[in-house]
Amino acid sequence: MDDFPIKLADLLEGVAGKVRALTVDRVAQWTKMLALGMVAVTLGLLAVLFLIIGLFRLLSSVIGVTPTYAVLAGIFLVAGAFLWVMRTKPPKEDA
């Protein structure tokens, strides 16, 4: 009977550890992954933006500004048309 307080304290500590592992630790991991994902997306978008700006400056030094606008507009038009064709169509409703 002398070791009852020690066993009770160990039991409560074990239960608290399990509850924390099931709740707080999981949420902390999710928020960490969410923050890292947001940083990765931001860096990716910045890389794409700098790539487009660099491409524009390179083309404008070679062929001039007005044809560069036409070339890049054509590229974006073709890319947009491709994405438009590849979109998922909504399901048809039966009347």
PDB file of N, CA and C in Angstrom:
ATOM      1  N   MET A   1       0.816  -1.201   0.000  1.00  0.00           N
ATOM      2  CA  MET A   1       0.000   0.000   0.000  1.00  0.00           C
ATOM      3  C   MET A   1       0.854   1.258   0.000  1.00  0.00           C
ATOM      4  N   ASP A   2       2.140   1.081   0.319  1.00  0.00           N
ATOM      5  CA  ASP A   2       3.012   2.249   0.344  1.00  0.00           C
ATOM      6  C   ASP A   2       3.316   2.766  -1.057  1.00  0.00           C
ATOM      7  N   ASP A   3       3.240   1.915  -2.064  1.00  0.00           N
ATOM      8  CA  ASP A   3       3.582   2.338  -3.419  1.00  0.00           C
ATOM      9  C   ASP A   3       2.352   2.799  -4.208  1.00  0.00           C
ATOM     10  N   PHE A   4       1.167   2.900  -3.593  1.00  0.00           N
ATOM     11  CA  PHE A   4      -0.038   3.345  -4.278  1.00  0.00           C
ATOM     12  C   PHE A   4       0.094   4.765  -4.824  1.00  0.00           C
ATOM     13  N   PRO A   5       0.598   5.739  -4.085  1.00  0.00           N
ATOM     14  CA  PRO A   5       0.737   7.093  -4.649  1.00  0.00           C
ATOM     15  C   PRO A   5       1.680   7.122  -5.862  1.00  0.00           C
ATOM     16  N   ILE A   6       2.715   6.306  -5.833  1.00  0.00           N
ATOM     17  CA  ILE A   6       3.658   6.275  -6.961  1.00  0.00           C
ATOM     18  C   ILE A   6       2.981   5.681  -8.191  1.00  0.00           C
ATOM     19  N   LYS A   7       2.222   4.590  -7.999  1.00  0.00           N
ATOM     20  CA  LYS A   7       1.517   3.968  -9.114  1.00  0.00           C
ATOM     21  C   LYS A   7       0.452   4.903  -9.694  1.00  0.00           C
ATOM     22  N   LEU A   8      -0.264   5.625  -8.825  1.00  0.00           N
ATOM     23  CA  LEU A   8      -1.284   6.564  -9.279  1.00  0.00           C
ATOM     24  C   LEU A   8      -0.649   7.708 -10.066  1.00  0.00           C
ATOM     25  N   ALA A   9       0.458   8.229  -9.579  1.00  0.00           N
ATOM     26  CA  ALA A   9       1.147   9.308 -10.294  1.00  0.00           C
ATOM     27  C   ALA A   9       1.654   8.825 -11.654  1.00  0.00           C
ATOM     28  N   ASP A  10       2.184   7.616 -11.716  1.00  0.00           N
ATOM     29  CA  ASP A  10       2.651   7.068 -12.988  1.00  0.00           C
ATOM     30  C   ASP A  10       1.486   6.859 -13.961  1.00  0.00           C
ATOM     31  N   LEU A  11       0.356   6.380 -13.435  1.00  0.00           N
ATOM     32  CA  LEU A  11      -0.823   6.179 -14.270  1.00  0.00           C
ATOM     33  C   LEU A  11      -1.314   7.508 -14.846  1.00  0.00           C
ATOM     34  N   LEU A  12      -1.430   8.528 -14.019  1.00  0.00           N
ATOM     35  CA  LEU A  12      -1.883   9.836 -14.488  1.00  0.00           C
ATOM     36  C   LEU A  12      -0.908  10.442 -15.493  1.00  0.00           C
ATOM     37  N   GLU A  13       0.362  10.259 -15.267  1.00  0.00           N
ATOM     38  CA  GLU A  13       1.364  10.772 -16.198  1.00  0.00           C
ATOM     39  C   GLU A  13       1.289  10.039 -17.540  1.00  0.00           C
ATOM     40  N   GLY A  14       1.058   8.749 -17.498  1.00  0.00           N
ATOM     41  CA  GLY A  14       0.922   7.972 -18.731  1.00  0.00           C
ATOM     42  C   GLY A  14      -0.313   8.377 -19.522  1.00  0.00           C
ATOM     43  N   VAL A  15      -1.446   8.568 -18.819  1.00  0.00           N
ATOM     44  CA  VAL A  15      -2.674   8.987 -19.486  1.00  0.00           C
ATOM     45  C   VAL A  15      -2.498  10.368 -20.105  1.00  0.00           C
ATOM     46  N   ALA A  16      -1.884  11.282 -19.364  1.00  0.00           N
ATOM     47  CA  ALA A  16      -1.657  12.628 -19.885  1.00  0.00           C
ATOM     48  C   ALA A  16      -0.732  12.590 -21.100  1.00  0.00           C
ATOM     49  N   GLY A  17       0.264  11.742 -21.067  1.00  0.00           N
ATOM     50  CA  GLY A  17       1.177  11.611 -22.210  1.00  0.00           C
ATOM     51  C   GLY A  17       0.472  11.068 -23.443  1.00  0.00           C
ATOM     52  N   LYS A  18      -0.410  10.094 -23.259  1.00  0.00           N
ATOM     53  CA  LYS A  18      -1.153   9.534 -24.388  1.00  0.00           C
ATOM     54  C   LYS A  18      -2.113  10.556 -24.980  1.00  0.00           C
ATOM     55  N   VAL A  19      -2.802  11.301 -24.124  1.00  0.00           N
ATOM     56  CA  VAL A  19      -3.734  12.325 -24.601  1.00  0.00           C
ATOM     57  C   VAL A  19      -2.977  13.400 -25.377  1.00  0.00           C
ATOM     58  N   ARG A  20      -1.834  13.804 -24.862  1.00  0.00           N
ATOM     59  CA  ARG A  20      -1.033  14.821 -25.540  1.00  0.00           C
ATOM     60  C   ARG A  20      -0.531  14.301 -26.886  1.00  0.00           C
ATOM     61  N   ALA A  21      -0.124  13.054 -26.929  1.00  0.00           N
ATOM     62  CA  ALA A  21       0.364  12.475 -28.187  1.00  0.00           C
ATOM     63  C   ALA A  21      -0.749  12.407 -29.232  1.00  0.00           C
ATOM     64  N   LEU A  22      -1.990  12.180 -28.785  1.00  0.00           N
ATOM     65  CA  LEU A  22      -3.105  12.078 -29.719  1.00  0.00           C
ATOM     66  C   LEU A  22      -3.653  13.431 -30.157  1.00  0.00           C
ATOM     67  N   THR A  23      -3.391  14.492 -29.403  1.00  0.00           N
ATOM     68  CA  THR A  23      -3.989  15.790 -29.724  1.00  0.00           C
ATOM     69  C   THR A  23      -2.933  16.833 -30.065  1.00  0.00           C
ATOM     70  N   VAL A  24      -2.233  17.295 -29.095  1.00  0.00           N
ATOM     71  CA  VAL A  24      -1.332  18.438 -29.258  1.00  0.00           C
ATOM     72  C   VAL A  24      -0.192  18.128 -30.215  1.00  0.00           C
ATOM     73  N   ASP A  25       0.408  16.970 -30.114  1.00  0.00           N
ATOM     74  CA  ASP A  25       1.538  16.637 -30.972  1.00  0.00           C
ATOM     75  C   ASP A  25       1.115  16.538 -32.438  1.00  0.00           C
ATOM     76  N   ARG A  26      -0.062  15.980 -32.698  1.00  0.00           N
ATOM     77  CA  ARG A  26      -0.540  15.873 -34.078  1.00  0.00           C
ATOM     78  C   ARG A  26      -0.844  17.246 -34.665  1.00  0.00           C
ATOM     79  N   VAL A  27      -1.506  18.090 -33.897  1.00  0.00           N
ATOM     80  CA  VAL A  27      -1.831  19.432 -34.381  1.00  0.00           C
ATOM     81  C   VAL A  27      -0.554  20.236 -34.606  1.00  0.00           C
ATOM     82  N   ALA A  28       0.416  20.090 -33.740  1.00  0.00           N
ATOM     83  CA  ALA A  28       1.684  20.790 -33.918  1.00  0.00           C
ATOM     84  C   ALA A  28       2.376  20.332 -35.196  1.00  0.00           C
ATOM     85  N   GLN A  29       2.316  19.064 -35.509  1.00  0.00           N
ATOM     86  CA  GLN A  29       2.923  18.553 -36.739  1.00  0.00           C
ATOM     87  C   GLN A  29       2.177  19.081 -37.968  1.00  0.00           C
ATOM     88  N   TRP A  30       0.851  19.123 -37.914  1.00  0.00           N
ATOM     89  CA  TRP A  30       0.066  19.638 -39.045  1.00  0.00           C
ATOM     90  C   TRP A  30       0.369  21.108 -39.300  1.00  0.00           C
ATOM     91  N   THR A  31       0.430  21.902 -38.232  1.00  0.00           N
ATOM     92  CA  THR A  31       0.705  23.325 -38.420  1.00  0.00           C
ATOM     93  C   THR A  31       2.124  23.546 -38.938  1.00  0.00           C
ATOM     94  N   LYS A  32       3.043  22.728 -38.524  1.00  0.00           N
ATOM     95  CA  LYS A  32       4.416  22.830 -39.028  1.00  0.00           C
ATOM     96  C   LYS A  32       4.458  22.529 -40.522  1.00  0.00           C
ATOM     97  N   MET A  33       3.777  21.465 -40.950  1.00  0.00           N
ATOM     98  CA  MET A  33       3.737  21.117 -42.372  1.00  0.00           C
ATOM     99  C   MET A  33       2.997  22.179 -43.184  1.00  0.00           C
ATOM    100  N   LEU A  34       1.944  22.747 -42.627  1.00  0.00           N
ATOM    101  CA  LEU A  34       1.207  23.803 -43.311  1.00  0.00           C
ATOM    102  C   LEU A  34       2.082  25.035 -43.508  1.00  0.00           C
ATOM    103  N   ALA A  35       2.820  25.411 -42.480  1.00  0.00           N
ATOM    104  CA  ALA A  35       3.711  26.574 -42.596  1.00  0.00           C
ATOM    105  C   ALA A  35       4.814  26.320 -43.614  1.00  0.00           C
ATOM    106  N   LEU A  36       5.402  25.130 -43.602  1.00  0.00           N
ATOM    107  CA  LEU A  36       6.442  24.813 -44.577  1.00  0.00           C
ATOM    108  C   LEU A  36       5.876  24.770 -45.995  1.00  0.00           C
ATOM    109  N   GLY A  37       4.666  24.284 -46.151  1.00  0.00           N
ATOM    110  CA  GLY A  37       4.022  24.267 -47.462  1.00  0.00           C
ATOM    111  C   GLY A  37       3.756  25.664 -47.984  1.00  0.00           C
ATOM    112  N   MET A  38       3.327  26.560 -47.099  1.00  0.00           N
ATOM    113  CA  MET A  38       3.084  27.936 -47.522  1.00  0.00           C
ATOM    114  C   MET A  38       4.383  28.616 -47.946  1.00  0.00           C
ATOM    115  N   VAL A  39       5.453  28.355 -47.247  1.00  0.00           N
ATOM    116  CA  VAL A  39       6.752  28.919 -47.625  1.00  0.00           C
ATOM    117  C   VAL A  39       7.188  28.359 -48.976  1.00  0.00           C
ATOM    118  N   ALA A  40       7.018  27.071 -49.185  1.00  0.00           N
ATOM    119  CA  ALA A  40       7.414  26.449 -50.451  1.00  0.00           C
ATOM    120  C   ALA A  40       6.596  27.005 -51.617  1.00  0.00           C
ATOM    121  N   VAL A  41       5.295  27.186 -51.423  1.00  0.00           N
ATOM    122  CA  VAL A  41       4.453  27.733 -52.486  1.00  0.00           C
ATOM    123  C   VAL A  41       4.850  29.166 -52.798  1.00  0.00           C
ATOM    124  N   THR A  42       5.126  29.953 -51.775  1.00  0.00           N
ATOM    125  CA  THR A  42       5.541  31.339 -51.990  1.00  0.00           C
ATOM    126  C   THR A  42       6.853  31.406 -52.757  1.00  0.00           C
ATOM    127  N   LEU A  43       7.812  30.582 -52.370  1.00  0.00           N
ATOM    128  CA  LEU A  43       9.088  30.575 -53.083  1.00  0.00           C
ATOM    129  C   LEU A  43       8.921  30.087 -54.520  1.00  0.00           C
ATOM    130  N   GLY A  44       8.060  29.122 -54.735  1.00  0.00           N
ATOM    131  CA  GLY A  44       7.800  28.636 -56.091  1.00  0.00           C
ATOM    132  C   GLY A  44       7.167  29.709 -56.964  1.00  0.00           C
ATOM    133  N   LEU A  45       6.194  30.438 -56.418  1.00  0.00           N
ATOM    134  CA  LEU A  45       5.561  31.508 -57.184  1.00  0.00           C
ATOM    135  C   LEU A  45       6.543  32.635 -57.495  1.00  0.00           C
ATOM    136  N   LEU A  46       7.403  32.954 -56.544  1.00  0.00           N
ATOM    137  CA  LEU A  46       8.430  33.967 -56.796  1.00  0.00           C
ATOM    138  C   LEU A  46       9.396  33.512 -57.877  1.00  0.00           C
ATOM    139  N   ALA A  47       9.758  32.241 -57.874  1.00  0.00           N
ATOM    140  CA  ALA A  47      10.664  31.719 -58.906  1.00  0.00           C
ATOM    141  C   ALA A  47      10.014  31.820 -60.280  1.00  0.00           C
ATOM    142  N   VAL A  48       8.732  31.481 -60.388  1.00  0.00           N
ATOM    143  CA  VAL A  48       8.029  31.583 -61.661  1.00  0.00           C
ATOM    144  C   VAL A  48       7.951  33.044 -62.111  1.00  0.00           C
ATOM    145  N   LEU A  49       7.653  33.941 -61.186  1.00  0.00           N
ATOM    146  CA  LEU A  49       7.579  35.363 -61.513  1.00  0.00           C
ATOM    147  C   LEU A  49       8.921  35.878 -62.023  1.00  0.00           C
ATOM    148  N   PHE A  50      10.004  35.553 -61.339  1.00  0.00           N
ATOM    149  CA  PHE A  50      11.327  35.999 -61.775  1.00  0.00           C
ATOM    150  C   PHE A  50      11.710  35.375 -63.109  1.00  0.00           C
ATOM    151  N   LEU A  51      11.283  34.141 -63.349  1.00  0.00           N
ATOM    152  CA  LEU A  51      11.548  33.494 -64.628  1.00  0.00           C
ATOM    153  C   LEU A  51      10.832  34.215 -65.768  1.00  0.00           C
ATOM    154  N   ILE A  52       9.588  34.600 -65.548  1.00  0.00           N
ATOM    155  CA  ILE A  52       8.832  35.320 -66.576  1.00  0.00           C
ATOM    156  C   ILE A  52       9.447  36.692 -66.831  1.00  0.00           C
ATOM    157  N   ILE A  53       9.820  37.393 -65.773  1.00  0.00           N
ATOM    158  CA  ILE A  53      10.455  38.706 -65.940  1.00  0.00           C
ATOM    159  C   ILE A  53      11.781  38.569 -66.677  1.00  0.00           C
ATOM    160  N   GLY A  54      12.568  37.585 -66.313  1.00  0.00           N
ATOM    161  CA  GLY A  54      13.845  37.366 -66.991  1.00  0.00           C
ATOM    162  C   GLY A  54      13.659  37.010 -68.454  1.00  0.00           C
ATOM    163  N   LEU A  55      12.665  36.168 -68.746  1.00  0.00           N
ATOM    164  CA  LEU A  55      12.368  35.805 -70.128  1.00  0.00           C
ATOM    165  C   LEU A  55      11.941  37.033 -70.930  1.00  0.00           C
ATOM    166  N   PHE A  56      11.119  37.883 -70.335  1.00  0.00           N
ATOM    167  CA  PHE A  56      10.681  39.096 -71.015  1.00  0.00           C
ATOM    168  C   PHE A  56      11.862  40.015 -71.310  1.00  0.00           C
ATOM    169  N   ARG A  57      12.725  40.205 -70.316  1.00  0.00           N
ATOM    170  CA  ARG A  57      13.879  41.090 -70.539  1.00  0.00           C
ATOM    171  C   ARG A  57      14.830  40.519 -71.577  1.00  0.00           C
ATOM    172  N   LEU A  58      15.027  39.215 -71.577  1.00  0.00           N
ATOM    173  CA  LEU A  58      15.901  38.585 -72.565  1.00  0.00           C
ATOM    174  C   LEU A  58      15.328  38.730 -73.973  1.00  0.00           C
ATOM    175  N   LEU A  59      14.043  38.422 -74.115  1.00  0.00           N
ATOM    176  CA  LEU A  59      13.423  38.540 -75.435  1.00  0.00           C
ATOM    177  C   LEU A  59      13.351  39.983 -75.906  1.00  0.00           C
ATOM    178  N   SER A  60      13.072  40.921 -75.005  1.00  0.00           N
ATOM    179  CA  SER A  60      12.964  42.319 -75.423  1.00  0.00           C
ATOM    180  C   SER A  60      14.315  42.882 -75.859  1.00  0.00           C
ATOM    181  N   SER A  61      15.404  42.354 -75.327  1.00  0.00           N
ATOM    182  CA  SER A  61      16.706  42.822 -75.781  1.00  0.00           C
ATOM    183  C   SER A  61      17.074  42.227 -77.133  1.00  0.00           C
ATOM    184  N   VAL A  62      16.484  41.087 -77.483  1.00  0.00           N
ATOM    185  CA  VAL A  62      16.803  40.434 -78.751  1.00  0.00           C
ATOM    186  C   VAL A  62      15.874  40.908 -79.874  1.00  0.00           C
ATOM    187  N   ILE A  63      14.555  40.899 -79.636  1.00  0.00           N
ATOM    188  CA  ILE A  63      13.608  41.182 -80.730  1.00  0.00           C
ATOM    189  C   ILE A  63      12.830  42.473 -80.536  1.00  0.00           C
ATOM    190  N   GLY A  64      12.989  43.166 -79.444  1.00  0.00           N
ATOM    191  CA  GLY A  64      12.229  44.397 -79.204  1.00  0.00           C
ATOM    192  C   GLY A  64      11.072  44.153 -78.255  1.00  0.00           C
ATOM    193  N   VAL A  65      10.515  45.258 -77.765  1.00  0.00           N
ATOM    194  CA  VAL A  65       9.501  45.162 -76.718  1.00  0.00           C
ATOM    195  C   VAL A  65       8.154  44.699 -77.275  1.00  0.00           C
ATOM    196  N   THR A  66       7.702  45.297 -78.375  1.00  0.00           N
ATOM    197  CA  THR A  66       6.372  44.969 -78.900  1.00  0.00           C
ATOM    198  C   THR A  66       6.271  43.512 -79.358  1.00  0.00           C
ATOM    199  N   PRO A  67       7.237  42.984 -80.110  1.00  0.00           N
ATOM    200  CA  PRO A  67       7.139  41.554 -80.448  1.00  0.00           C
ATOM    201  C   PRO A  67       7.240  40.637 -79.225  1.00  0.00           C
ATOM    202  N   THR A  68       7.966  41.093 -78.208  1.00  0.00           N
ATOM    203  CA  THR A  68       8.057  40.289 -76.981  1.00  0.00           C
ATOM    204  C   THR A  68       6.695  40.151 -76.324  1.00  0.00           C
ATOM    205  N   TYR A  69       5.939  41.269 -76.279  1.00  0.00           N
ATOM    206  CA  TYR A  69       4.577  41.187 -75.741  1.00  0.00           C
ATOM    207  C   TYR A  69       3.744  40.196 -76.553  1.00  0.00           C
ATOM    208  N   ALA A  70       3.894  40.209 -77.866  1.00  0.00           N
ATOM    209  CA  ALA A  70       3.115  39.308 -78.717  1.00  0.00           C
ATOM    210  C   ALA A  70       3.511  37.850 -78.477  1.00  0.00           C
ATOM    211  N   VAL A  71       4.808  37.582 -78.364  1.00  0.00           N
ATOM    212  CA  VAL A  71       5.278  36.204 -78.149  1.00  0.00           C
ATOM    213  C   VAL A  71       4.793  35.680 -76.806  1.00  0.00           C
ATOM    214  N   LEU A  72       4.981  36.471 -75.751  1.00  0.00           N
ATOM    215  CA  LEU A  72       4.540  36.012 -74.429  1.00  0.00           C
ATOM    216  C   LEU A  72       3.024  35.899 -74.352  1.00  0.00           C
ATOM    217  N   ALA A  73       2.301  36.796 -75.006  1.00  0.00           N
ATOM    218  CA  ALA A  73       0.834  36.684 -75.035  1.00  0.00           C
ATOM    219  C   ALA A  73       0.421  35.395 -75.729  1.00  0.00           C
ATOM    220  N   GLY A  74       1.106  35.044 -76.820  1.00  0.00           N
ATOM    221  CA  GLY A  74       0.800  33.802 -77.509  1.00  0.00           C
ATOM    222  C   GLY A  74       1.075  32.592 -76.640  1.00  0.00           C
ATOM    223  N   ILE A  75       2.198  32.631 -75.902  1.00  0.00           N
ATOM    224  CA  ILE A  75       2.523  31.512 -75.011  1.00  0.00           C
ATOM    225  C   ILE A  75       1.453  31.353 -73.938  1.00  0.00           C
ATOM    226  N   PHE A  76       1.059  32.467 -73.318  1.00  0.00           N
ATOM    227  CA  PHE A  76       0.035  32.396 -72.274  1.00  0.00           C
ATOM    228  C   PHE A  76      -1.325  32.018 -72.849  1.00  0.00           C
ATOM    229  N   LEU A  77      -1.608  32.440 -74.082  1.00  0.00           N
ATOM    230  CA  LEU A  77      -2.870  32.070 -74.721  1.00  0.00           C
ATOM    231  C   LEU A  77      -2.933  30.570 -74.971  1.00  0.00           C
ATOM    232  N   VAL A  78      -1.852  29.992 -75.471  1.00  0.00           N
ATOM    233  CA  VAL A  78      -1.816  28.551 -75.720  1.00  0.00           C
ATOM    234  C   VAL A  78      -1.900  27.776 -74.407  1.00  0.00           C
ATOM    235  N   ALA A  79      -1.176  28.247 -73.389  1.00  0.00           N
ATOM    236  CA  ALA A  79      -1.226  27.571 -72.083  1.00  0.00           C
ATOM    237  C   ALA A  79      -2.633  27.651 -71.484  1.00  0.00           C
ATOM    238  N   GLY A  80      -3.282  28.802 -71.596  1.00  0.00           N
ATOM    239  CA  GLY A  80      -4.641  28.949 -71.086  1.00  0.00           C
ATOM    240  C   GLY A  80      -5.630  28.082 -71.830  1.00  0.00           C
ATOM    241  N   ALA A  81      -5.473  28.000 -73.163  1.00  0.00           N
ATOM    242  CA  ALA A  81      -6.368  27.145 -73.944  1.00  0.00           C
ATOM    243  C   ALA A  81      -6.172  25.679 -73.570  1.00  0.00           C
ATOM    244  N   PHE A  82      -4.931  25.275 -73.344  1.00  0.00           N
ATOM    245  CA  PHE A  82      -4.664  23.893 -72.932  1.00  0.00           C
ATOM    246  C   PHE A  82      -5.314  23.596 -71.580  1.00  0.00           C
ATOM    247  N   LEU A  83      -5.152  24.510 -70.634  1.00  0.00           N
ATOM    248  CA  LEU A  83      -5.768  24.308 -69.318  1.00  0.00           C
ATOM    249  C   LEU A  83      -7.294  24.311 -69.407  1.00  0.00           C
ATOM    250  N   TRP A  84      -7.841  25.129 -70.305  1.00  0.00           N
ATOM    251  CA  TRP A  84      -9.292  25.176 -70.478  1.00  0.00           C
ATOM    252  C   TRP A  84      -9.818  23.844 -71.012  1.00  0.00           C
ATOM    253  N   VAL A  85      -9.082  23.246 -71.936  1.00  0.00           N
ATOM    254  CA  VAL A  85      -9.500  21.962 -72.495  1.00  0.00           C
ATOM    255  C   VAL A  85      -9.367  20.848 -71.462  1.00  0.00           C
ATOM    256  N   MET A  86      -8.349  20.925 -70.615  1.00  0.00           N
ATOM    257  CA  MET A  86      -8.083  19.860 -69.643  1.00  0.00           C
ATOM    258  C   MET A  86      -8.891  19.993 -68.354  1.00  0.00           C
ATOM    259  N   ARG A  87      -9.726  21.014 -68.229  1.00  0.00           N
ATOM    260  CA  ARG A  87     -10.476  21.227 -66.983  1.00  0.00           C
ATOM    261  C   ARG A  87     -11.437  20.074 -66.748  1.00  0.00           C
ATOM    262  N   THR A  88     -11.849  19.919 -65.498  1.00  0.00           N
ATOM    263  CA  THR A  88     -12.841  18.893 -65.183  1.00  0.00           C
ATOM    264  C   THR A  88     -14.220  19.473 -65.411  1.00  0.00           C
ATOM    265  N   LYS A  89     -15.018  18.745 -66.110  1.00  0.00           N
ATOM    266  CA  LYS A  89     -16.352  19.222 -66.415  1.00  0.00           C
ATOM    267  C   LYS A  89     -17.301  18.831 -65.274  1.00  0.00           C
ATOM    268  N   PRO A  90     -18.231  19.723 -64.920  1.00  0.00           N
ATOM    269  CA  PRO A  90     -19.161  19.382 -63.855  1.00  0.00           C
ATOM    270  C   PRO A  90     -20.106  18.263 -64.311  1.00  0.00           C
ATOM    271  N   PRO A  91     -20.566  17.444 -63.366  1.00  0.00           N
ATOM    272  CA  PRO A  91     -21.482  16.356 -63.754  1.00  0.00           C
ATOM    273  C   PRO A  91     -22.821  16.935 -64.226  1.00  0.00           C
ATOM    274  N   LYS A  92     -23.398  16.274 -65.235  1.00  0.00           N
ATOM    275  CA  LYS A  92     -24.682  16.730 -65.769  1.00  0.00           C
ATOM    276  C   LYS A  92     -25.806  16.281 -64.858  1.00  0.00           C
ATOM    277  N   GLU A  93     -26.748  17.194 -64.653  1.00  0.00           N
ATOM    278  CA  GLU A  93     -27.902  16.867 -63.820  1.00  0.00           C
ATOM    279  C   GLU A  93     -29.014  16.305 -64.692  1.00  0.00           C
ATOM    280  N   ASP A  94     -29.628  15.257 -64.217  1.00  0.00           N
ATOM    281  CA  ASP A  94     -30.769  14.676 -64.946  1.00  0.00           C
ATOM    282  C   ASP A  94     -32.043  15.398 -64.523  1.00  0.00           C
ATOM    283  N   ALA A  95     -32.785  15.893 -65.512  1.00  0.00           N
ATOM    284  CA  ALA A  95     -33.998  16.650 -65.202  1.00  0.00           C
ATOM    285  C   ALA A  95     -35.217  15.772 -65.170  1.00  0.00           C
TER     286      ALA A  95
END
